[in-house]
Amino acid sequence: MTSNELLREFYEKWPVVFAGPSLDRLTERAYRYRTLLNEISRGEAPRKMIVKQGGRKNLIIRDRFLEYWEKKLTAGEVADNG
């Protein structure tokens, strides 16, 4: 499965907006919410992918997050053990 196929599946299955801590579950911990918050605080990730609900709850905008994550994904090579 290519990264494009994987991302297309996320676009189809994930809600348009979701609570920040849900990121761990949606990615099966491949991308941690805490990591995203750290990247945003260091200025490595754009703040525009998160909106506030009330005083504390962060909501992640799916399309903005996936656009950012796509830039970080690279095709992995699988070792041939045969």
Protein backbone atom coordinates (compact mmCIF):
# COMPACT_ATOMS: atom_id res chain seq x y z
CA MET A 1 0.00 0.00 0.00
CA THR A 2 1.42 3.37 -0.99
CA SER A 3 1.24 6.46 1.19
CA ASN A 4 -1.27 7.94 -1.29
CA GLU A 5 -3.55 4.94 -0.91
CA LEU A 6 -3.22 5.07 2.84
CA LEU A 7 -4.04 8.77 3.00
CA ARG A 8 -6.97 8.35 0.63
CA GLU A 9 -8.37 5.74 3.00
CA PHE A 10 -7.97 8.14 5.94
CA TYR A 11 -9.76 10.89 4.01
CA GLU A 12 -12.66 8.51 3.40
CA LYS A 13 -12.92 6.99 6.90
CA TRP A 14 -11.94 9.73 9.36
CA PRO A 15 -14.38 12.43 10.48
CA VAL A 16 -13.76 15.91 9.08
CA VAL A 17 -13.04 17.22 12.59
CA PHE A 18 -12.17 15.15 15.65
CA ALA A 19 -10.97 15.59 19.23
CA GLY A 20 -7.19 15.80 19.50
CA PRO A 21 -6.69 12.72 21.72
CA SER A 22 -8.53 10.64 19.09
CA LEU A 23 -5.48 10.97 16.84
CA ASP A 24 -3.73 8.18 18.76
CA ARG A 25 -6.63 5.80 18.13
CA LEU A 26 -7.23 6.82 14.51
CA THR A 27 -3.59 6.22 13.59
CA GLU A 28 -3.27 3.21 15.89
CA ARG A 29 -0.53 5.19 17.66
CA ALA A 30 1.50 5.63 14.47
CA TYR A 31 1.20 9.37 15.04
CA ARG A 32 0.71 10.49 18.64
CA TYR A 33 -1.37 13.51 19.62
CA ARG A 34 1.29 14.51 22.15
CA THR A 35 3.90 14.50 19.37
CA LEU A 36 1.72 16.75 17.23
CA LEU A 37 1.29 19.22 20.10
CA ASN A 38 5.06 19.28 20.64
CA GLU A 39 5.68 19.90 16.93
CA ILE A 40 3.18 22.76 16.96
CA SER A 41 4.74 24.30 20.07
CA ARG A 42 8.21 24.15 18.45
CA GLY A 43 6.86 25.76 15.27
CA GLU A 44 7.47 22.65 13.17
CA ALA A 45 3.77 22.04 12.44
CA PRO A 46 1.16 24.66 11.50
CA ARG A 47 -1.23 25.74 14.26
CA LYS A 48 -4.03 26.12 11.70
CA MET A 49 -4.75 22.38 11.82
CA ILE A 50 -6.15 22.74 15.35
CA VAL A 51 -9.13 24.78 16.51
CA LYS A 52 -10.20 25.32 20.11
CA GLN A 53 -13.55 24.27 21.49
CA GLY A 54 -14.13 26.06 24.73
CA GLY A 55 -11.16 26.76 26.94
CA ARG A 56 -9.22 23.52 26.69
CA LYS A 57 -10.47 21.08 24.06
CA ASN A 58 -8.52 20.92 20.80
CA LEU A 59 -10.17 19.75 17.60
CA ILE A 60 -8.05 18.57 14.69
CA ILE A 61 -9.11 19.44 11.17
CA ARG A 62 -8.61 16.20 9.22
CA ASP A 63 -7.63 17.66 5.85
CA ARG A 64 -5.06 20.06 7.30
CA PHE A 65 -3.53 17.36 9.46
CA LEU A 66 -3.33 14.84 6.59
CA GLU A 67 -1.75 17.46 4.30
CA TYR A 68 0.92 18.01 6.96
CA TRP A 69 1.45 14.29 7.64
CA GLU A 70 1.72 13.51 3.93
CA LYS A 71 4.81 15.74 3.74
CA LYS A 72 6.43 13.69 6.50
CA LEU A 73 5.71 10.26 5.02
CA THR A 74 8.30 8.51 2.91
CA ALA A 75 8.06 5.20 1.17
CA GLY A 76 9.65 2.49 3.27
CA GLU A 77 11.63 -0.33 1.79
CA VAL A 78 10.85 -3.89 2.80
CA ALA A 79 13.80 -6.20 3.19
CA ASP A 80 13.68 -9.31 1.02
CA ASN A 81 14.29 -12.20 3.39
CA GLY A 82 13.96 -14.86 0.68
